[in-house]
Amino acid sequence: MGGVEQALTEAMGIDGALGAAIVDGDSGMALGTRTGGALGIDPALAAACHTDLVRAARRALDDTGLGRERVEDILTSLSGQYHLIRPLTRTGGGLFLSLVLDRARANLAMARHRLRLIDDRVVL
């Protein structure tokens, strides 16, 4: 698979996708974003906020002595949306893919599966 644009195109092909971003987990800056509907929020702002969630999950692993474990994904369930965050393992752990889904149209299990496939093939 190609780089940022190809990964975002694939992510936006997931049923119910409203927005996607590839984010630098150190700075919180989005390397690329896509929207495909009424997201209701700025995807770059969402990316920066999702960085705080990724950092908190990593801190929690360290604080609980589970630092050798790896975060596969982080899910925030809202009344109308799912926010799914997947740290990208092939990039050295510093980048993550953030996906916002329409809860009424998305299949969460399939979205998680598709993000795992993207993670397995992405080259950044």
PDB file of N, CA and C in Angstrom:
ATOM      1  N   MET A   1       0.857  -1.180   0.000  1.00  0.00           N
ATOM      2  CA  MET A   1       0.000   0.000   0.000  1.00  0.00           C
ATOM      3  C   MET A   1       0.892   1.228   0.000  1.00  0.00           C
ATOM      4  N   GLY A   2       0.371   2.290  -0.509  1.00  0.00           N
ATOM      5  CA  GLY A   2       1.088   3.549  -0.553  1.00  0.00           C
ATOM      6  C   GLY A   2       1.133   4.225   0.801  1.00  0.00           C
ATOM      7  N   GLY A   3       1.231   5.541   0.771  1.00  0.00           N
ATOM      8  CA  GLY A   3       1.413   6.323   1.977  1.00  0.00           C
ATOM      9  C   GLY A   3       0.128   6.851   2.562  1.00  0.00           C
ATOM     10  N   VAL A   4       0.220   8.071   3.048  1.00  0.00           N
ATOM     11  CA  VAL A   4      -0.872   8.703   3.786  1.00  0.00           C
ATOM     12  C   VAL A   4      -2.157   8.750   2.965  1.00  0.00           C
ATOM     13  N   GLU A   5      -2.070   9.220   1.721  1.00  0.00           N
ATOM     14  CA  GLU A   5      -3.278   9.387   0.907  1.00  0.00           C
ATOM     15  C   GLU A   5      -3.977   8.057   0.645  1.00  0.00           C
ATOM     16  N   GLN A   6      -3.199   7.026   0.358  1.00  0.00           N
ATOM     17  CA  GLN A   6      -3.784   5.706   0.107  1.00  0.00           C
ATOM     18  C   GLN A   6      -4.448   5.154   1.370  1.00  0.00           C
ATOM     19  N   ALA A   7      -3.803   5.315   2.508  1.00  0.00           N
ATOM     20  CA  ALA A   7      -4.385   4.832   3.771  1.00  0.00           C
ATOM     21  C   ALA A   7      -5.687   5.569   4.081  1.00  0.00           C
ATOM     22  N   LEU A   8      -5.709   6.872   3.852  1.00  0.00           N
ATOM     23  CA  LEU A   8      -6.920   7.653   4.104  1.00  0.00           C
ATOM     24  C   LEU A   8      -8.044   7.269   3.139  1.00  0.00           C
ATOM     25  N   THR A   9      -7.697   7.018   1.887  1.00  0.00           N
ATOM     26  CA  THR A   9      -8.698   6.591   0.906  1.00  0.00           C
ATOM     27  C   THR A   9      -9.325   5.267   1.333  1.00  0.00           C
ATOM     28  N   GLU A  10      -8.494   4.327   1.769  1.00  0.00           N
ATOM     29  CA  GLU A  10      -9.021   3.037   2.235  1.00  0.00           C
ATOM     30  C   GLU A  10      -9.882   3.210   3.480  1.00  0.00           C
ATOM     31  N   ALA A  11      -9.432   4.041   4.405  1.00  0.00           N
ATOM     32  CA  ALA A  11     -10.202   4.254   5.635  1.00  0.00           C
ATOM     33  C   ALA A  11     -11.566   4.856   5.327  1.00  0.00           C
ATOM     34  N   MET A  12     -11.601   5.798   4.397  1.00  0.00           N
ATOM     35  CA  MET A  12     -12.870   6.430   4.040  1.00  0.00           C
ATOM     36  C   MET A  12     -13.782   5.480   3.265  1.00  0.00           C
ATOM     37  N   GLY A  13     -13.255   4.368   2.772  1.00  0.00           N
ATOM     38  CA  GLY A  13     -14.059   3.352   2.109  1.00  0.00           C
ATOM     39  C   GLY A  13     -14.779   2.431   3.069  1.00  0.00           C
ATOM     40  N   ILE A  14     -14.517   2.572   4.357  1.00  0.00           N
ATOM     41  CA  ILE A  14     -15.193   1.758   5.372  1.00  0.00           C
ATOM     42  C   ILE A  14     -16.619   2.272   5.533  1.00  0.00           C
ATOM     43  N   ASP A  15     -17.588   1.368   5.560  1.00  0.00           N
ATOM     44  CA  ASP A  15     -18.988   1.758   5.699  1.00  0.00           C
ATOM     45  C   ASP A  15     -19.199   2.657   6.909  1.00  0.00           C
ATOM     46  N   GLY A  16     -19.851   3.780   6.683  1.00  0.00           N
ATOM     47  CA  GLY A  16     -20.163   4.711   7.762  1.00  0.00           C
ATOM     48  C   GLY A  16     -19.081   5.730   8.057  1.00  0.00           C
ATOM     49  N   ALA A  17     -17.959   5.690   7.319  1.00  0.00           N
ATOM     50  CA  ALA A  17     -16.851   6.621   7.583  1.00  0.00           C
ATOM     51  C   ALA A  17     -17.286   8.062   7.334  1.00  0.00           C
ATOM     52  N   LEU A  18     -17.042   8.918   8.315  1.00  0.00           N
ATOM     53  CA  LEU A  18     -17.331  10.345   8.209  1.00  0.00           C
ATOM     54  C   LEU A  18     -16.055  11.165   8.072  1.00  0.00           C
ATOM     55  N   GLY A  19     -14.962  10.666   8.621  1.00  0.00           N
ATOM     56  CA  GLY A  19     -13.704  11.382   8.567  1.00  0.00           C
ATOM     57  C   GLY A  19     -12.570  10.485   9.018  1.00  0.00           C
ATOM     58  N   ALA A  20     -11.380  10.775   8.502  1.00  0.00           N
ATOM     59  CA  ALA A  20     -10.202   9.993   8.868  1.00  0.00           C
ATOM     60  C   ALA A  20      -8.992  10.917   8.883  1.00  0.00           C
ATOM     61  N   ALA A  21      -8.009  10.548   9.688  1.00  0.00           N
ATOM     62  CA  ALA A  21      -6.766  11.314   9.758  1.00  0.00           C
ATOM     63  C   ALA A  21      -5.619  10.379  10.114  1.00  0.00           C
ATOM     64  N   ILE A  22      -4.450  10.677   9.574  1.00  0.00           N
ATOM     65  CA  ILE A  22      -3.194  10.066  10.011  1.00  0.00           C
ATOM     66  C   ILE A  22      -2.515  11.135  10.842  1.00  0.00           C
ATOM     67  N   VAL A  23      -2.145  10.775  12.081  1.00  0.00           N
ATOM     68  CA  VAL A  23      -1.706  11.766  13.055  1.00  0.00           C
ATOM     69  C   VAL A  23      -0.343  11.395  13.626  1.00  0.00           C
ATOM     70  N   ASP A  24       0.501  12.393  13.809  1.00  0.00           N
ATOM     71  CA  ASP A  24       1.767  12.246  14.525  1.00  0.00           C
ATOM     72  C   ASP A  24       1.442  12.291  16.008  1.00  0.00           C
ATOM     73  N   GLY A  25       1.637  11.172  16.686  1.00  0.00           N
ATOM     74  CA  GLY A  25       1.283  11.065  18.092  1.00  0.00           C
ATOM     75  C   GLY A  25       2.142  11.896  19.021  1.00  0.00           C
ATOM     76  N   ASP A  26       3.299  12.349  18.559  1.00  0.00           N
ATOM     77  CA  ASP A  26       4.147  13.184  19.396  1.00  0.00           C
ATOM     78  C   ASP A  26       3.692  14.639  19.379  1.00  0.00           C
ATOM     79  N   SER A  27       3.384  15.143  18.192  1.00  0.00           N
ATOM     80  CA  SER A  27       3.024  16.554  18.071  1.00  0.00           C
ATOM     81  C   SER A  27       1.518  16.807  18.054  1.00  0.00           C
ATOM     82  N   GLY A  28       0.737  15.784  17.690  1.00  0.00           N
ATOM     83  CA  GLY A  28      -0.703  15.963  17.542  1.00  0.00           C
ATOM     84  C   GLY A  28      -1.106  16.534  16.204  1.00  0.00           C
ATOM     85  N   MET A  29      -0.138  16.730  15.317  1.00  0.00           N
ATOM     86  CA  MET A  29      -0.416  17.292  13.996  1.00  0.00           C
ATOM     87  C   MET A  29      -0.891  16.203  13.040  1.00  0.00           C
ATOM     88  N   ALA A  30      -1.930  16.525  12.285  1.00  0.00           N
ATOM     89  CA  ALA A  30      -2.435  15.608  11.268  1.00  0.00           C
ATOM     90  C   ALA A  30      -1.540  15.673  10.038  1.00  0.00           C
ATOM     91  N   LEU A  31      -1.074  14.526   9.567  1.00  0.00           N
ATOM     92  CA  LEU A  31      -0.289  14.462   8.339  1.00  0.00           C
ATOM     93  C   LEU A  31      -1.194  14.498   7.121  1.00  0.00           C
ATOM     94  N   GLY A  32      -2.452  14.136   7.335  1.00  0.00           N
ATOM     95  CA  GLY A  32      -3.447  14.167   6.275  1.00  0.00           C
ATOM     96  C   GLY A  32      -4.808  13.902   6.870  1.00  0.00           C
ATOM     97  N   THR A  33      -5.838  14.498   6.286  1.00  0.00           N
ATOM     98  CA  THR A  33      -7.210  14.287   6.756  1.00  0.00           C
ATOM     99  C   THR A  33      -8.125  14.126   5.550  1.00  0.00           C
ATOM    100  N   ARG A  34      -9.244  13.452   5.797  1.00  0.00           N
ATOM    101  CA  ARG A  34     -10.307  13.320   4.801  1.00  0.00           C
ATOM    102  C   ARG A  34     -11.644  13.401   5.520  1.00  0.00           C
ATOM    103  N   THR A  35     -12.610  14.000   4.879  1.00  0.00           N
ATOM    104  CA  THR A  35     -13.977  13.977   5.391  1.00  0.00           C
ATOM    105  C   THR A  35     -14.892  13.562   4.253  1.00  0.00           C
ATOM    106  N   GLY A  36     -16.007  12.954   4.627  1.00  0.00           N
ATOM    107  CA  GLY A  36     -16.905  12.465   3.601  1.00  0.00           C
ATOM    108  C   GLY A  36     -18.357  12.667   3.968  1.00  0.00           C
ATOM    109  N   GLY A  37     -18.645  13.675   4.721  1.00  0.00           N
ATOM    110  CA  GLY A  37     -20.029  13.897   5.109  1.00  0.00           C
ATOM    111  C   GLY A  37     -20.105  14.918   6.213  1.00  0.00           C
ATOM    112  N   ALA A  38     -21.191  14.899   6.907  1.00  0.00           N
ATOM    113  CA  ALA A  38     -21.445  15.867   7.974  1.00  0.00           C
ATOM    114  C   ALA A  38     -20.726  15.429   9.246  1.00  0.00           C
ATOM    115  N   LEU A  39     -19.425  15.650   9.285  1.00  0.00           N
ATOM    116  CA  LEU A  39     -18.636  15.246  10.445  1.00  0.00           C
ATOM    117  C   LEU A  39     -18.988  16.087  11.663  1.00  0.00           C
ATOM    118  N   GLY A  40     -19.199  17.366  11.474  1.00  0.00           N
ATOM    119  CA  GLY A  40     -19.585  18.232  12.579  1.00  0.00           C
ATOM    120  C   GLY A  40     -18.423  18.791  13.377  1.00  0.00           C
ATOM    121  N   ILE A  41     -17.206  18.312  13.102  1.00  0.00           N
ATOM    122  CA  ILE A  41     -16.018  18.826  13.782  1.00  0.00           C
ATOM    123  C   ILE A  41     -14.887  18.946  12.766  1.00  0.00           C
ATOM    124  N   ASP A  42     -13.924  19.773  13.073  1.00  0.00           N
ATOM    125  CA  ASP A  42     -12.738  19.921  12.251  1.00  0.00           C
ATOM    126  C   ASP A  42     -11.863  18.673  12.437  1.00  0.00           C
ATOM    127  N   PRO A  43     -11.546  17.938  11.365  1.00  0.00           N
ATOM    128  CA  PRO A  43     -10.769  16.709  11.530  1.00  0.00           C
ATOM    129  C   PRO A  43      -9.377  16.937  12.110  1.00  0.00           C
ATOM    130  N   ALA A  44      -8.757  18.083  11.838  1.00  0.00           N
ATOM    131  CA  ALA A  44      -7.446  18.372  12.425  1.00  0.00           C
ATOM    132  C   ALA A  44      -7.560  18.586  13.928  1.00  0.00           C
ATOM    133  N   LEU A  45      -8.632  19.226  14.366  1.00  0.00           N
ATOM    134  CA  LEU A  45      -8.868  19.406  15.801  1.00  0.00           C
ATOM    135  C   LEU A  45      -9.150  18.072  16.468  1.00  0.00           C
ATOM    136  N   ALA A  46      -9.968  17.235  15.823  1.00  0.00           N
ATOM    137  CA  ALA A  46     -10.247  15.905  16.373  1.00  0.00           C
ATOM    138  C   ALA A  46      -8.953  15.102  16.495  1.00  0.00           C
ATOM    139  N   ALA A  47      -8.077  15.216  15.490  1.00  0.00           N
ATOM    140  CA  ALA A  47      -6.797  14.504  15.519  1.00  0.00           C
ATOM    141  C   ALA A  47      -5.966  14.930  16.718  1.00  0.00           C
ATOM    142  N   ALA A  48      -5.903  16.222  16.966  1.00  0.00           N
ATOM    143  CA  ALA A  48      -5.138  16.720  18.112  1.00  0.00           C
ATOM    144  C   ALA A  48      -5.728  16.213  19.422  1.00  0.00           C
ATOM    145  N   CYS A  49      -7.038  16.207  19.519  1.00  0.00           N
ATOM    146  CA  CYS A  49      -7.693  15.713  20.741  1.00  0.00           C
ATOM    147  C   CYS A  49      -7.487  14.213  20.907  1.00  0.00           C
ATOM    148  N   HIS A  50      -7.507  13.475  19.804  1.00  0.00           N
ATOM    149  CA  HIS A  50      -7.290  12.030  19.884  1.00  0.00           C
ATOM    150  C   HIS A  50      -5.870  11.710  20.339  1.00  0.00           C
ATOM    151  N   THR A  51      -4.938  12.628  20.077  1.00  0.00           N
ATOM    152  CA  THR A  51      -3.564  12.438  20.551  1.00  0.00           C
ATOM    153  C   THR A  51      -3.538  12.329  22.069  1.00  0.00           C
ATOM    154  N   ASP A  52      -4.351  13.124  22.745  1.00  0.00           N
ATOM    155  CA  ASP A  52      -4.421  13.053  24.208  1.00  0.00           C
ATOM    156  C   ASP A  52      -4.899  11.676  24.671  1.00  0.00           C
ATOM    157  N   LEU A  53      -5.844  11.074  23.945  1.00  0.00           N
ATOM    158  CA  LEU A  53      -6.333   9.741  24.294  1.00  0.00           C
ATOM    159  C   LEU A  53      -5.246   8.685  24.122  1.00  0.00           C
ATOM    160  N   VAL A  54      -4.483   8.795  23.043  1.00  0.00           N
ATOM    161  CA  VAL A  54      -3.404   7.843  22.793  1.00  0.00           C
ATOM    162  C   VAL A  54      -2.344   7.955  23.888  1.00  0.00           C
ATOM    163  N   ARG A  55      -1.976   9.170  24.233  1.00  0.00           N
ATOM    164  CA  ARG A  55      -0.982   9.374  25.301  1.00  0.00           C
ATOM    165  C   ARG A  55      -1.488   8.837  26.638  1.00  0.00           C
ATOM    166  N   ALA A  56      -2.758   9.059  26.938  1.00  0.00           N
ATOM    167  CA  ALA A  56      -3.333   8.570  28.201  1.00  0.00           C
ATOM    168  C   ALA A  56      -3.334   7.044  28.240  1.00  0.00           C
ATOM    169  N   ALA A  57      -3.658   6.410  27.137  1.00  0.00           N
ATOM    170  CA  ALA A  57      -3.650   4.940  27.102  1.00  0.00           C
ATOM    171  C   ALA A  57      -2.243   4.397  27.331  1.00  0.00           C
ATOM    172  N   ARG A  58      -1.258   5.030  26.723  1.00  0.00           N
ATOM    173  CA  ARG A  58       0.127   4.581  26.903  1.00  0.00           C
ATOM    174  C   ARG A  58       0.592   4.790  28.347  1.00  0.00           C
ATOM    175  N   ARG A  59       0.214   5.933  28.924  1.00  0.00           N
ATOM    176  CA  ARG A  59       0.554   6.190  30.335  1.00  0.00           C
ATOM    177  C   ARG A  59      -0.094   5.154  31.240  1.00  0.00           C
ATOM    178  N   ALA A  60      -1.338   4.824  30.962  1.00  0.00           N
ATOM    179  CA  ALA A  60      -2.055   3.841  31.778  1.00  0.00           C
ATOM    180  C   ALA A  60      -1.362   2.485  31.720  1.00  0.00           C
ATOM    181  N   LEU A  61      -0.882   2.089  30.557  1.00  0.00           N
ATOM    182  CA  LEU A  61      -0.147   0.827  30.450  1.00  0.00           C
ATOM    183  C   LEU A  61       1.113   0.867  31.298  1.00  0.00           C
ATOM    184  N   ASP A  62       1.837   1.965  31.216  1.00  0.00           N
ATOM    185  CA  ASP A  62       3.059   2.095  32.014  1.00  0.00           C
ATOM    186  C   ASP A  62       2.747   2.097  33.507  1.00  0.00           C
ATOM    187  N   ASP A  63       1.733   2.854  33.903  1.00  0.00           N
ATOM    188  CA  ASP A  63       1.390   2.990  35.324  1.00  0.00           C
ATOM    189  C   ASP A  63       0.904   1.683  35.940  1.00  0.00           C
ATOM    190  N   THR A  64       0.295   0.826  35.138  1.00  0.00           N
ATOM    191  CA  THR A  64      -0.239  -0.433  35.656  1.00  0.00           C
ATOM    192  C   THR A  64       0.715  -1.601  35.467  1.00  0.00           C
ATOM    193  N   GLY A  65       1.914  -1.319  34.978  1.00  0.00           N
ATOM    194  CA  GLY A  65       2.898  -2.375  34.776  1.00  0.00           C
ATOM    195  C   GLY A  65       2.652  -3.205  33.523  1.00  0.00           C
ATOM    196  N   LEU A  66       1.807  -2.713  32.631  1.00  0.00           N
ATOM    197  CA  LEU A  66       1.508  -3.427  31.390  1.00  0.00           C
ATOM    198  C   LEU A  66       2.235  -2.809  30.199  1.00  0.00           C
ATOM    199  N   GLY A  67       3.331  -2.123  30.470  1.00  0.00           N
ATOM    200  CA  GLY A  67       4.051  -1.392  29.442  1.00  0.00           C
ATOM    201  C   GLY A  67       4.535  -2.233  28.279  1.00  0.00           C
ATOM    202  N   ARG A  68       4.612  -3.551  28.455  1.00  0.00           N
ATOM    203  CA  ARG A  68       5.025  -4.421  27.353  1.00  0.00           C
ATOM    204  C   ARG A  68       3.863  -4.746  26.415  1.00  0.00           C
ATOM    205  N   GLU A  69       2.654  -4.479  26.867  1.00  0.00           N
ATOM    206  CA  GLU A  69       1.479  -4.659  26.010  1.00  0.00           C
ATOM    207  C   GLU A  69       1.450  -3.544  24.981  1.00  0.00           C
ATOM    208  N   ARG A  70       0.701  -3.752  23.914  1.00  0.00           N
ATOM    209  CA  ARG A  70       0.578  -2.767  22.850  1.00  0.00           C
ATOM    210  C   ARG A  70      -0.894  -2.407  22.690  1.00  0.00           C
ATOM    211  N   VAL A  71      -1.179  -1.116  22.593  1.00  0.00           N
ATOM    212  CA  VAL A  71      -2.548  -0.661  22.351  1.00  0.00           C
ATOM    213  C   VAL A  71      -2.881  -0.984  20.900  1.00  0.00           C
ATOM    214  N   GLU A  72      -3.923  -1.801  20.684  1.00  0.00           N
ATOM    215  CA  GLU A  72      -4.349  -2.119  19.324  1.00  0.00           C
ATOM    216  C   GLU A  72      -5.306  -1.064  18.788  1.00  0.00           C
ATOM    217  N   ASP A  73      -6.260  -0.674  19.597  1.00  0.00           N
ATOM    218  CA  ASP A  73      -7.145   0.407  19.208  1.00  0.00           C
ATOM    219  C   ASP A  73      -7.814   0.991  20.434  1.00  0.00           C
ATOM    220  N   ILE A  74      -8.340   2.187  20.244  1.00  0.00           N
ATOM    221  CA  ILE A  74      -9.044   2.915  21.298  1.00  0.00           C
ATOM    222  C   ILE A  74     -10.390   3.317  20.707  1.00  0.00           C
ATOM    223  N   LEU A  75     -11.456   3.065  21.453  1.00  0.00           N
ATOM    224  CA  LEU A  75     -12.796   3.357  20.966  1.00  0.00           C
ATOM    225  C   LEU A  75     -13.496   4.331  21.897  1.00  0.00           C
ATOM    226  N   THR A  76     -14.053   5.382  21.322  1.00  0.00           N
ATOM    227  CA  THR A  76     -14.943   6.278  22.051  1.00  0.00           C
ATOM    228  C   THR A  76     -16.303   6.162  21.394  1.00  0.00           C
ATOM    229  N   SER A  77     -17.303   5.762  22.172  1.00  0.00           N
ATOM    230  CA  SER A  77     -18.666   5.606  21.659  1.00  0.00           C
ATOM    231  C   SER A  77     -19.489   6.814  22.057  1.00  0.00           C
ATOM    232  N   LEU A  78     -19.992   7.517  21.076  1.00  0.00           N
ATOM    233  CA  LEU A  78     -20.893   8.640  21.296  1.00  0.00           C
ATOM    234  C   LEU A  78     -22.298   8.208  20.883  1.00  0.00           C
ATOM    235  N   SER A  79     -23.281   9.028  21.149  1.00  0.00           N
ATOM    236  CA  SER A  79     -24.651   8.637  20.813  1.00  0.00           C
ATOM    237  C   SER A  79     -24.849   8.486  19.306  1.00  0.00           C
ATOM    238  N   GLY A  80     -24.114   9.238  18.492  1.00  0.00           N
ATOM    239  CA  GLY A  80     -24.289   9.147  17.050  1.00  0.00           C
ATOM    240  C   GLY A  80     -23.038   8.768  16.280  1.00  0.00           C
ATOM    241  N   GLN A  81     -21.910   8.635  16.973  1.00  0.00           N
ATOM    242  CA  GLN A  81     -20.644   8.359  16.289  1.00  0.00           C
ATOM    243  C   GLN A  81     -19.797   7.395  17.097  1.00  0.00           C
ATOM    244  N   TYR A  82     -18.917   6.715  16.381  1.00  0.00           N
ATOM    245  CA  TYR A  82     -17.793   5.998  16.982  1.00  0.00           C
ATOM    246  C   TYR A  82     -16.528   6.742  16.559  1.00  0.00           C
ATOM    247  N   HIS A  83     -15.604   6.920  17.494  1.00  0.00           N
ATOM    248  CA  HIS A  83     -14.276   7.443  17.185  1.00  0.00           C
ATOM    249  C   HIS A  83     -13.314   6.292  17.464  1.00  0.00           C
ATOM    250  N   LEU A  84     -12.692   5.794  16.411  1.00  0.00           N
ATOM    251  CA  LEU A  84     -11.822   4.630  16.497  1.00  0.00           C
ATOM    252  C   LEU A  84     -10.396   5.064  16.175  1.00  0.00           C
ATOM    253  N   ILE A  85      -9.474   4.757  17.061  1.00  0.00           N
ATOM    254  CA  ILE A  85      -8.079   5.168  16.921  1.00  0.00           C
ATOM    255  C   ILE A  85      -7.218   3.909  16.862  1.00  0.00           C
ATOM    256  N   ARG A  86      -6.363   3.824  15.857  1.00  0.00           N
ATOM    257  CA  ARG A  86      -5.489   2.669  15.681  1.00  0.00           C
ATOM    258  C   ARG A  86      -4.035   3.130  15.560  1.00  0.00           C
ATOM    259  N   PRO A  87      -3.195   2.898  16.594  1.00  0.00           N
ATOM    260  CA  PRO A  87      -1.764   3.175  16.443  1.00  0.00           C
ATOM    261  C   PRO A  87      -1.200   2.331  15.294  1.00  0.00           C
ATOM    262  N   LEU A  88      -0.405   2.947  14.446  1.00  0.00           N
ATOM    263  CA  LEU A  88       0.154   2.248  13.287  1.00  0.00           C
ATOM    264  C   LEU A  88       1.478   1.602  13.675  1.00  0.00           C
ATOM    265  N   THR A  89       1.512   0.294  13.675  1.00  0.00           N
ATOM    266  CA  THR A  89       2.662  -0.445  14.194  1.00  0.00           C
ATOM    267  C   THR A  89       3.863  -0.412  13.261  1.00  0.00           C
ATOM    268  N   ARG A  90       3.647  -0.327  11.975  1.00  0.00           N
ATOM    269  CA  ARG A  90       4.768  -0.358  11.020  1.00  0.00           C
ATOM    270  C   ARG A  90       5.492   0.976  10.934  1.00  0.00           C
ATOM    271  N   THR A  91       5.034   1.976  11.640  1.00  0.00           N
ATOM    272  CA  THR A  91       5.655   3.301  11.570  1.00  0.00           C
ATOM    273  C   THR A  91       6.485   3.604  12.815  1.00  0.00           C
ATOM    274  N   GLY A  92       6.778   2.595  13.604  1.00  0.00           N
ATOM    275  CA  GLY A  92       7.563   2.804  14.807  1.00  0.00           C
ATOM    276  C   GLY A  92       6.741   3.261  16.000  1.00  0.00           C
ATOM    277  N   GLY A  93       5.428   3.226  15.867  1.00  0.00           N
ATOM    278  CA  GLY A  93       4.557   3.542  16.992  1.00  0.00           C
ATOM    279  C   GLY A  93       4.252   5.009  17.189  1.00  0.00           C
ATOM    280  N   GLY A  94       4.812   5.883  16.370  1.00  0.00           N
ATOM    281  CA  GLY A  94       4.590   7.305  16.582  1.00  0.00           C
ATOM    282  C   GLY A  94       3.366   7.866  15.882  1.00  0.00           C
ATOM    283  N   LEU A  95       2.827   7.127  14.905  1.00  0.00           N
ATOM    284  CA  LEU A  95       1.678   7.605  14.148  1.00  0.00           C
ATOM    285  C   LEU A  95       0.451   6.772  14.485  1.00  0.00           C
ATOM    286  N   PHE A  96      -0.722   7.390  14.317  1.00  0.00           N
ATOM    287  CA  PHE A  96      -1.952   6.619  14.460  1.00  0.00           C
ATOM    288  C   PHE A  96      -2.968   7.068  13.434  1.00  0.00           C
ATOM    289  N   LEU A  97      -3.913   6.182  13.164  1.00  0.00           N
ATOM    290  CA  LEU A  97      -5.007   6.468  12.251  1.00  0.00           C
ATOM    291  C   LEU A  97      -6.250   6.701  13.089  1.00  0.00           C
ATOM    292  N   SER A  98      -6.902   7.800  12.866  1.00  0.00           N
ATOM    293  CA  SER A  98      -8.118   8.172  13.574  1.00  0.00           C
ATOM    294  C   SER A  98      -9.278   8.099  12.595  1.00  0.00           C
ATOM    295  N   LEU A  99     -10.338   7.393  12.958  1.00  0.00           N
ATOM    296  CA  LEU A  99     -11.486   7.217  12.079  1.00  0.00           C
ATOM    297  C   LEU A  99     -12.758   7.561  12.840  1.00  0.00           C
ATOM    298  N   VAL A 100     -13.580   8.420  12.252  1.00  0.00           N
ATOM    299  CA  VAL A 100     -14.877   8.768  12.829  1.00  0.00           C
ATOM    300  C   VAL A 100     -15.945   8.095  11.979  1.00  0.00           C
ATOM    301  N   LEU A 101     -16.827   7.358  12.648  1.00  0.00           N
ATOM    302  CA  LEU A 101     -17.861   6.581  11.977  1.00  0.00           C
ATOM    303  C   LEU A 101     -19.250   7.036  12.389  1.00  0.00           C
ATOM    304  N   ASP A 102     -20.179   6.991  11.458  1.00  0.00           N
ATOM    305  CA  ASP A 102     -21.592   7.196  11.745  1.00  0.00           C
ATOM    306  C   ASP A 102     -22.093   5.922  12.423  1.00  0.00           C
ATOM    307  N   ARG A 103     -22.515   6.046  13.650  1.00  0.00           N
ATOM    308  CA  ARG A 103     -22.889   4.875  14.443  1.00  0.00           C
ATOM    309  C   ARG A 103     -24.049   4.091  13.824  1.00  0.00           C
ATOM    310  N   ALA A 104     -24.959   4.788  13.154  1.00  0.00           N
ATOM    311  CA  ALA A 104     -26.131   4.119  12.579  1.00  0.00           C
ATOM    312  C   ALA A 104     -25.776   3.299  11.327  1.00  0.00           C
ATOM    313  N   ARG A 105     -24.684   3.650  10.665  1.00  0.00           N
ATOM    314  CA  ARG A 105     -24.331   2.969   9.418  1.00  0.00           C
ATOM    315  C   ARG A 105     -23.122   2.057   9.530  1.00  0.00           C
ATOM    316  N   ALA A 106     -22.358   2.188  10.582  1.00  0.00           N
ATOM    317  CA  ALA A 106     -21.087   1.466  10.686  1.00  0.00           C
ATOM    318  C   ALA A 106     -21.262   0.094  11.331  1.00  0.00           C
ATOM    319  N   ASN A 107     -20.415  -0.818  10.903  1.00  0.00           N
ATOM    320  CA  ASN A 107     -20.260  -2.117  11.552  1.00  0.00           C
ATOM    321  C   ASN A 107     -18.924  -2.035  12.282  1.00  0.00           C
ATOM    322  N   LEU A 108     -18.964  -1.896  13.593  1.00  0.00           N
ATOM    323  CA  LEU A 108     -17.756  -1.643  14.368  1.00  0.00           C
ATOM    324  C   LEU A 108     -16.730  -2.769  14.227  1.00  0.00           C
ATOM    325  N   ALA A 109     -17.170  -4.007  14.260  1.00  0.00           N
ATOM    326  CA  ALA A 109     -16.239  -5.131  14.125  1.00  0.00           C
ATOM    327  C   ALA A 109     -15.542  -5.098  12.764  1.00  0.00           C
ATOM    328  N   MET A 110     -16.301  -4.801  11.719  1.00  0.00           N
ATOM    329  CA  MET A 110     -15.708  -4.742  10.384  1.00  0.00           C
ATOM    330  C   MET A 110     -14.757  -3.546  10.263  1.00  0.00           C
ATOM    331  N   ALA A 111     -15.108  -2.429  10.861  1.00  0.00           N
ATOM    332  CA  ALA A 111     -14.229  -1.258  10.829  1.00  0.00           C
ATOM    333  C   ALA A 111     -12.904  -1.569  11.527  1.00  0.00           C
ATOM    334  N   ARG A 112     -12.959  -2.236  12.661  1.00  0.00           N
ATOM    335  CA  ARG A 112     -11.726  -2.603  13.366  1.00  0.00           C
ATOM    336  C   ARG A 112     -10.878  -3.532  12.501  1.00  0.00           C
ATOM    337  N   HIS A 113     -11.534  -4.472  11.845  1.00  0.00           N
ATOM    338  CA  HIS A 113     -10.831  -5.410  10.964  1.00  0.00           C
ATOM    339  C   HIS A 113     -10.156  -4.669   9.811  1.00  0.00           C
ATOM    340  N   ARG A 114     -10.881  -3.763   9.174  1.00  0.00           N
ATOM    341  CA  ARG A 114     -10.339  -3.017   8.043  1.00  0.00           C
ATOM    342  C   ARG A 114      -9.173  -2.122   8.472  1.00  0.00           C
ATOM    343  N   LEU A 115      -9.255  -1.508   9.653  1.00  0.00           N
ATOM    344  CA  LEU A 115      -8.129  -0.692  10.141  1.00  0.00           C
ATOM    345  C   LEU A 115      -6.907  -1.567  10.397  1.00  0.00           C
ATOM    346  N   ARG A 116      -7.123  -2.775  10.885  1.00  0.00           N
ATOM    347  CA  ARG A 116      -6.012  -3.700  11.110  1.00  0.00           C
ATOM    348  C   ARG A 116      -5.334  -4.037   9.772  1.00  0.00           C
ATOM    349  N   LEU A 117      -6.127  -4.237   8.715  1.00  0.00           N
ATOM    350  CA  LEU A 117      -5.563  -4.518   7.389  1.00  0.00           C
ATOM    351  C   LEU A 117      -4.776  -3.314   6.873  1.00  0.00           C
ATOM    352  N   ILE A 118      -5.313  -2.128   7.062  1.00  0.00           N
ATOM    353  CA  ILE A 118      -4.600  -0.912   6.639  1.00  0.00           C
ATOM    354  C   ILE A 118      -3.279  -0.821   7.385  1.00  0.00           C
ATOM    355  N   ASP A 119      -3.304  -1.059   8.683  1.00  0.00           N
ATOM    356  CA  ASP A 119      -2.086  -1.002   9.497  1.00  0.00           C
ATOM    357  C   ASP A 119      -1.046  -2.007   8.980  1.00  0.00           C
ATOM    358  N   ASP A 120      -1.494  -3.202   8.595  1.00  0.00           N
ATOM    359  CA  ASP A 120      -0.580  -4.232   8.113  1.00  0.00           C
ATOM    360  C   ASP A 120       0.109  -3.859   6.805  1.00  0.00           C
ATOM    361  N   ARG A 121      -0.525  -2.980   6.006  1.00  0.00           N
ATOM    362  CA  ARG A 121       0.001  -2.696   4.661  1.00  0.00           C
ATOM    363  C   ARG A 121       0.541  -1.292   4.472  1.00  0.00           C
ATOM    364  N   VAL A 122       0.269  -0.389   5.402  1.00  0.00           N
ATOM    365  CA  VAL A 122       0.647   1.009   5.196  1.00  0.00           C
ATOM    366  C   VAL A 122       2.170   1.167   5.226  1.00  0.00           C
ATOM    367  N   VAL A 123       2.671   2.012   4.339  1.00  0.00           N
ATOM    368  CA  VAL A 123       4.095   2.348   4.286  1.00  0.00           C
ATOM    369  C   VAL A 123       4.185   3.863   4.318  1.00  0.00           C
ATOM    370  N   LEU A 124       4.712   4.387   5.407  1.00  0.00           N
ATOM    371  CA  LEU A 124       4.829   5.837   5.557  1.00  0.00           C
ATOM    372  C   LEU A 124       6.274   6.241   5.784  1.00  0.00           C
TER     373      LEU A 124
END
